[in-house]
Amino acid sequence: LFYIQLNILSQKNRRQSFFKGFVFSKIGDNLNNFYKSRLSFELTEAQKRVVREIRRDMGSGRQMNRLLQGDVGSGKTLVALMAMLIALDNGFQTCLMAPTELLANQHYNTITRFLEDMGISVLLLTGSTKKNERELLHEQLRSGELHILIGTHALLEDAVQFNNLGLVIIDEQHRFGVAQRARLWKKTEQLPHVLVMTAT
């Protein structure tokens, strides 16, 4: 077991030195305004700690590859949203992929409610999205006009091309295969930061 652990640590260190990450050095208006003006409640100590760890990871120069685990209702989506705002403050787009349309719609409704009137563009892409809506979405995504894209497996389609994807969030990551997850974060030349969430 000791040698297996040594091998895992060696692979981790080799991976961290090989995969460079975007440096999110700035905490700007989006996160500050959201935290000071939009939250009607105090974050838990666990949420604050995780947000600090995510900030440190995304500013380190190495690709973040973090698992966020918590019970249903523990506030994982809020932590993910704050990570998204850090990415936006540094000029990058973000996306969130969920395994079902129901869950994707739930994330979309939650995030748009939190970000109402903040001037942040958020759109939803699922198998039910109409063709004309898809074409407009793809155009806004390529131009960088669309800031946050939320969706299902539809995000993996070849037509989905980002202008500058900096952060990928995957909910219920165990519901996706390794190759599926890899297809999403290979939609940019330099690998984006990755946050995967699970309640199990």
Protein backbone atom coordinates (compact mmCIF):
# COMPACT_ATOMS: atom_id res chain seq x y z
CA LEU A 1 0.00 0.00 0.00
CA PHE A 2 2.88 2.34 0.79
CA TYR A 3 4.41 1.89 -2.68
CA ILE A 4 0.98 2.31 -4.33
CA GLN A 5 0.57 5.61 -2.46
CA LEU A 6 4.05 6.72 -3.52
CA ASN A 7 3.21 5.94 -7.14
CA ILE A 8 -0.06 7.91 -6.94
CA LEU A 9 1.74 10.91 -5.40
CA SER A 10 4.42 10.70 -8.10
CA GLN A 11 1.78 10.70 -10.84
CA LYS A 12 -0.01 13.63 -9.17
CA ASN A 13 3.20 15.71 -9.00
CA ARG A 14 4.09 14.83 -12.59
CA ARG A 15 0.60 15.82 -13.74
CA GLN A 16 0.68 19.13 -11.87
CA SER A 17 4.02 20.10 -13.40
CA PHE A 18 2.92 19.06 -16.91
CA PHE A 19 -0.57 20.58 -17.13
CA LYS A 20 -0.32 24.34 -16.90
CA GLY A 21 -3.47 26.25 -16.00
CA PHE A 22 -4.87 29.68 -16.68
CA VAL A 23 -3.86 32.10 -13.93
CA PHE A 24 -6.95 33.70 -12.41
CA SER A 25 -5.13 36.37 -10.43
CA LYS A 26 -7.91 38.94 -10.10
CA ILE A 27 -10.92 39.09 -7.81
CA GLY A 28 -13.07 41.70 -9.51
CA ASP A 29 -16.45 43.39 -9.55
CA ASN A 30 -18.54 40.33 -10.36
CA LEU A 31 -17.50 38.32 -7.30
CA ASN A 32 -17.26 41.32 -4.97
CA ASN A 33 -20.69 42.69 -5.94
CA PHE A 34 -22.26 39.26 -5.69
CA TYR A 35 -20.75 38.52 -2.30
CA LYS A 36 -21.48 41.92 -0.77
CA SER A 37 -24.84 42.76 -2.36
CA ARG A 38 -26.50 39.57 -3.57
CA LEU A 39 -26.13 37.11 -0.75
CA SER A 40 -28.87 37.46 1.83
CA PHE A 41 -27.20 34.93 4.12
CA GLU A 42 -23.76 34.12 5.48
CA LEU A 43 -21.70 31.38 3.87
CA THR A 44 -20.90 28.41 6.09
CA GLU A 45 -17.32 27.97 7.27
CA ALA A 46 -17.00 24.94 4.97
CA GLN A 47 -18.15 26.99 1.96
CA LYS A 48 -15.72 29.81 2.78
CA ARG A 49 -12.86 27.34 3.14
CA VAL A 50 -13.63 25.65 -0.19
CA VAL A 51 -13.95 28.99 -2.03
CA ARG A 52 -10.54 30.02 -0.65
CA GLU A 53 -9.04 26.70 -1.80
CA ILE A 54 -10.56 27.10 -5.28
CA ARG A 55 -9.22 30.67 -5.52
CA ARG A 56 -5.77 29.43 -4.57
CA ASP A 57 -5.92 26.56 -7.09
CA MET A 58 -7.04 28.77 -9.98
CA GLY A 59 -4.35 31.34 -9.25
CA SER A 60 -1.50 28.84 -8.95
CA GLY A 61 -0.59 28.49 -12.64
CA ARG A 62 -1.50 24.79 -12.55
CA GLN A 63 -4.71 23.30 -13.87
CA MET A 64 -7.23 22.86 -11.07
CA ASN A 65 -8.82 19.42 -10.99
CA ARG A 66 -10.93 19.45 -7.84
CA LEU A 67 -13.77 17.31 -6.50
CA LEU A 68 -16.45 19.13 -4.50
CA GLN A 69 -18.43 16.69 -2.37
CA GLY A 70 -21.42 17.54 -0.20
CA ASP A 71 -24.92 16.43 0.67
CA VAL A 72 -27.90 17.59 -1.38
CA GLY A 73 -28.74 21.12 -0.26
CA SER A 74 -25.30 21.80 1.23
CA GLY A 75 -24.59 24.68 -1.17
CA LYS A 76 -22.34 23.13 -3.84
CA THR A 77 -24.03 25.13 -6.61
CA LEU A 78 -23.35 28.40 -4.78
CA VAL A 79 -19.66 27.52 -4.42
CA ALA A 80 -19.57 26.61 -8.13
CA LEU A 81 -21.20 29.93 -9.02
CA MET A 82 -18.58 31.86 -7.06
CA ALA A 83 -15.86 29.95 -8.94
CA MET A 84 -17.61 30.96 -12.19
CA LEU A 85 -17.57 34.61 -11.14
CA ILE A 86 -13.82 34.43 -10.49
CA ALA A 87 -13.38 33.09 -14.04
CA LEU A 88 -15.55 35.89 -15.45
CA ASP A 89 -13.58 38.50 -13.51
CA ASN A 90 -10.47 37.22 -15.29
CA GLY A 91 -12.04 37.39 -18.76
CA PHE A 92 -12.95 33.72 -19.26
CA GLN A 93 -16.14 31.85 -20.12
CA THR A 94 -17.45 28.99 -17.99
CA CYS A 95 -19.81 26.05 -18.44
CA LEU A 96 -21.69 23.69 -16.18
CA MET A 97 -22.73 20.22 -17.39
CA ALA A 98 -25.41 18.15 -15.65
CA PRO A 99 -26.57 14.60 -16.52
CA THR A 100 -30.29 15.34 -16.99
CA GLU A 101 -32.43 18.14 -18.42
CA LEU A 102 -34.24 18.43 -15.10
CA LEU A 103 -31.02 19.09 -13.19
CA ALA A 104 -29.65 21.40 -15.90
CA ASN A 105 -32.87 23.44 -15.77
CA GLN A 106 -32.64 23.57 -11.99
CA HIS A 107 -29.07 24.92 -12.15
CA TYR A 108 -30.07 27.42 -14.84
CA ASN A 109 -32.99 28.75 -12.77
CA THR A 110 -30.88 28.98 -9.61
CA ILE A 111 -27.95 30.74 -11.27
CA THR A 112 -30.04 33.19 -13.30
CA ARG A 113 -31.95 34.11 -10.14
CA PHE A 114 -28.71 34.78 -8.27
CA LEU A 115 -27.26 36.83 -11.16
CA GLU A 116 -30.38 38.81 -12.06
CA ASP A 117 -29.56 42.34 -13.30
CA MET A 118 -25.80 41.81 -13.03
CA GLY A 119 -25.26 42.01 -16.78
CA ILE A 120 -23.96 38.44 -17.01
CA SER A 121 -25.18 36.38 -19.96
CA VAL A 122 -26.35 32.87 -19.02
CA LEU A 123 -27.95 30.40 -21.46
CA LEU A 124 -29.21 26.82 -21.32
CA LEU A 125 -28.43 24.11 -23.89
CA THR A 126 -30.18 20.73 -23.80
CA GLY A 127 -31.59 18.24 -26.28
CA SER A 128 -34.84 20.21 -26.21
CA THR A 129 -33.27 23.52 -27.27
CA LYS A 130 -34.78 24.63 -30.60
CA LYS A 131 -32.62 24.93 -33.70
CA ASN A 132 -32.88 28.72 -34.05
CA GLU A 133 -32.04 29.16 -30.35
CA ARG A 134 -29.04 26.84 -30.77
CA GLU A 135 -27.69 28.85 -33.70
CA LEU A 136 -27.88 32.10 -31.74
CA LEU A 137 -26.31 30.42 -28.71
CA HIS A 138 -23.43 29.02 -30.77
CA GLU A 139 -22.78 32.43 -32.30
CA GLN A 140 -22.73 34.18 -28.90
CA LEU A 141 -20.51 31.45 -27.48
CA ARG A 142 -17.92 31.80 -30.25
CA SER A 143 -17.90 35.60 -30.00
CA GLY A 144 -17.48 35.57 -26.22
CA GLU A 145 -20.76 37.42 -25.69
CA LEU A 146 -22.12 34.43 -23.77
CA HIS A 147 -20.48 34.18 -20.35
CA ILE A 148 -21.98 31.08 -18.74
CA LEU A 149 -23.35 28.04 -20.57
CA ILE A 150 -25.35 25.45 -18.65
CA GLY A 151 -26.49 22.21 -20.21
CA THR A 152 -26.55 18.45 -20.54
CA HIS A 153 -24.59 16.10 -22.82
CA ALA A 154 -25.50 18.60 -25.58
CA LEU A 155 -22.44 20.59 -24.46
CA LEU A 156 -20.26 17.81 -25.90
CA GLU A 157 -21.48 18.38 -29.47
CA ASP A 158 -18.84 19.50 -31.98
CA ALA A 159 -20.89 22.62 -32.79
CA VAL A 160 -20.35 23.91 -29.25
CA GLN A 161 -17.20 26.03 -29.57
CA PHE A 162 -16.09 28.51 -26.92
CA ASN A 163 -14.22 31.76 -27.39
CA ASN A 164 -12.14 31.41 -24.21
CA LEU A 165 -13.28 28.60 -21.92
CA GLY A 166 -11.48 28.87 -18.58
CA LEU A 167 -13.56 26.80 -16.15
CA VAL A 168 -15.57 23.59 -16.56
CA ILE A 169 -17.96 22.41 -13.84
CA ILE A 170 -19.52 18.95 -13.97
CA ASP A 171 -22.35 18.00 -11.63
CA GLU A 172 -22.89 14.38 -10.61
CA GLN A 173 -19.61 13.59 -12.34
CA HIS A 174 -20.03 9.84 -11.77
CA ARG A 175 -22.87 9.91 -14.34
CA PHE A 176 -20.41 10.81 -17.11
CA GLY A 177 -17.70 8.67 -18.65
CA VAL A 178 -14.03 9.63 -18.63
CA ALA A 179 -14.05 10.20 -22.40
CA GLN A 180 -17.16 12.39 -22.16
CA ARG A 181 -15.59 14.61 -19.53
CA ALA A 182 -12.38 14.84 -21.54
CA ARG A 183 -14.29 15.95 -24.66
CA LEU A 184 -15.64 18.92 -22.75
CA TRP A 185 -12.38 20.28 -21.41
CA LYS A 186 -10.55 19.70 -24.70
CA LYS A 187 -12.72 22.36 -26.34
CA THR A 188 -9.90 24.83 -25.71
CA GLU A 189 -6.19 24.72 -26.62
CA GLN A 190 -5.05 25.08 -23.02
CA LEU A 191 -6.89 22.87 -20.57
CA PRO A 192 -9.42 24.80 -18.44
CA HIS A 193 -9.75 24.48 -14.70
CA VAL A 194 -12.10 21.63 -13.75
CA LEU A 195 -14.46 21.38 -10.78
CA VAL A 196 -16.52 18.20 -10.46
CA MET A 197 -19.36 17.92 -7.96
CA THR A 198 -20.98 14.92 -6.35
CA ALA A 199 -23.33 14.18 -3.49
CA THR A 200 -22.21 10.56 -3.14
